[in-house]
Amino acid sequence: MKYEDLLEIAANWAAILTAGVATIAYMRFVGAQWLRRRALERHLREEKLMGHDEGRRTVIHLMANLAMTESEVLQAGFQSRKVKPVPGKDDQGRAARIYFEYDGDDLPAPRKM
């Protein structure tokens, strides 16, 4: 076998391994995003089901309770179909903060009194 043949085989294996590593890295990245989104949805759902208030929570609250960074909370909140962002208004009616609230279909119907 010539040197060129060995080099070609090594290059082909390197390309295959690179594709495999890239696929695994991408799957881990997407999986981590999915886990963060699920944790956010679960937390907000539990907060809403407690019934103390509307279940709206600020990004700071969510960062502290879910051990996520601000960007991770924002990304999970905006990617979720079950969580809606709600603007918090200041005295002049301008948006001053962002709340996230659970808005999924699996909540029990409110009781009539």
Protein backbone atom coordinates (compact mmCIF):
# COMPACT_ATOMS: atom_id res chain seq x y z
CA MET A 1 0.00 0.00 0.00
CA LYS A 2 1.27 3.40 -0.93
CA TYR A 3 1.53 6.40 1.32
CA GLU A 4 -1.19 8.20 -0.69
CA ASP A 5 -3.62 5.31 -0.12
CA LEU A 6 -3.05 5.38 3.64
CA LEU A 7 -3.48 9.12 3.69
CA GLU A 8 -6.76 8.83 1.80
CA ILE A 9 -8.06 6.18 4.23
CA ALA A 10 -7.08 8.34 7.20
CA ALA A 11 -8.82 11.36 5.66
CA ASN A 12 -12.00 9.36 5.07
CA TRP A 13 -12.01 8.10 8.67
CA ALA A 14 -11.40 11.64 9.94
CA ALA A 15 -14.40 12.90 7.95
CA ILE A 16 -16.61 10.12 9.32
CA LEU A 17 -15.49 10.75 12.90
CA THR A 18 -15.98 14.50 12.53
CA ALA A 19 -19.54 13.98 11.33
CA GLY A 20 -20.23 11.62 14.24
CA VAL A 21 -18.86 14.01 16.85
CA ALA A 22 -20.79 16.93 15.34
CA THR A 23 -24.02 14.91 15.40
CA ILE A 24 -23.53 13.93 19.03
CA ALA A 25 -22.71 17.52 20.02
CA TYR A 26 -25.82 18.80 18.26
CA MET A 27 -28.02 16.18 19.92
CA ARG A 28 -26.65 17.11 23.35
CA PHE A 29 -27.26 20.81 22.66
CA VAL A 30 -30.86 20.23 21.56
CA GLY A 31 -31.43 17.84 24.46
CA ALA A 32 -30.21 20.42 26.97
CA GLN A 33 -32.55 23.02 25.48
CA TRP A 34 -35.44 20.57 25.70
CA LEU A 35 -34.68 19.80 29.37
CA ARG A 36 -34.52 23.50 30.27
CA ARG A 37 -37.81 24.19 28.49
CA ARG A 38 -39.50 21.28 30.26
CA ALA A 39 -38.16 22.43 33.64
CA LEU A 40 -39.50 25.94 33.04
CA GLU A 41 -42.92 24.65 31.96
CA ARG A 42 -43.12 22.30 34.94
CA HIS A 43 -42.14 25.03 37.42
CA LEU A 44 -44.59 27.58 36.05
CA ARG A 45 -47.37 24.98 35.91
CA GLU A 46 -46.83 24.10 39.57
CA GLU A 47 -46.76 27.77 40.54
CA LYS A 48 -50.05 28.38 38.74
CA LEU A 49 -51.70 25.29 40.23
CA MET A 50 -50.85 26.46 43.77
CA GLY A 51 -53.39 29.21 43.21
CA HIS A 52 -51.74 31.91 45.34
CA ASP A 53 -51.69 34.28 42.39
CA GLU A 54 -51.78 34.23 38.59
CA GLY A 55 -48.58 32.16 38.47
CA ARG A 56 -46.53 34.84 36.72
CA ARG A 57 -42.85 34.84 37.56
CA THR A 58 -40.01 37.18 36.66
CA VAL A 59 -36.85 36.08 34.92
CA ILE A 60 -34.87 36.68 38.14
CA HIS A 61 -37.23 34.41 40.10
CA LEU A 62 -36.92 31.70 37.47
CA MET A 63 -33.14 32.04 37.34
CA ALA A 64 -32.93 31.49 41.10
CA ASN A 65 -35.37 28.57 41.25
CA LEU A 66 -34.26 26.72 38.13
CA ALA A 67 -30.50 27.40 38.32
CA MET A 68 -30.42 28.78 34.78
CA THR A 69 -28.80 31.84 33.32
CA GLU A 70 -30.89 34.76 32.12
CA SER A 71 -30.38 33.83 28.48
CA GLU A 72 -31.36 30.20 29.15
CA VAL A 73 -34.60 31.29 30.87
CA LEU A 74 -35.44 33.70 28.06
CA GLN A 75 -34.67 31.14 25.37
CA ALA A 76 -36.74 28.44 27.09
CA GLY A 77 -39.62 30.84 27.69
CA PHE A 78 -39.79 32.08 24.13
CA GLN A 79 -39.38 28.58 22.62
CA SER A 80 -42.19 27.06 24.65
CA ARG A 81 -45.72 26.80 23.32
CA LYS A 82 -47.03 26.39 26.87
CA VAL A 83 -45.45 29.51 28.35
CA LYS A 84 -46.38 33.03 27.39
CA PRO A 85 -44.44 36.21 28.09
CA VAL A 86 -46.41 38.92 29.87
CA PRO A 87 -45.07 42.48 30.12
CA GLY A 88 -44.96 44.05 33.57
CA LYS A 89 -45.85 47.73 33.37
CA ASP A 90 -44.46 50.63 35.37
CA ASP A 91 -46.37 53.67 36.68
CA GLN A 92 -46.42 55.25 33.23
CA GLY A 93 -47.77 52.13 31.51
CA ARG A 94 -44.52 51.15 29.81
CA ALA A 95 -43.14 47.63 29.86
CA ALA A 96 -40.55 47.50 32.64
CA ARG A 97 -40.07 43.76 33.13
CA ILE A 98 -40.96 40.41 31.61
CA TYR A 99 -43.07 37.84 33.39
CA PHE A 100 -43.54 34.28 32.19
CA GLU A 101 -46.83 32.52 32.81
CA TYR A 102 -47.91 28.95 32.14
CA ASP A 103 -50.59 28.84 29.44
CA GLY A 104 -50.86 25.13 28.61
CA ASP A 105 -54.02 23.22 27.83
CA ASP A 106 -53.54 20.68 30.62
CA LEU A 107 -54.62 22.92 33.52
CA PRO A 108 -57.80 21.96 35.33
CA ALA A 109 -60.81 24.17 34.68
CA PRO A 110 -61.33 26.91 37.28
CA ARG A 111 -63.93 26.08 39.91
CA LYS A 112 -67.16 28.00 39.87
CA MET A 113 -68.31 29.39 43.18
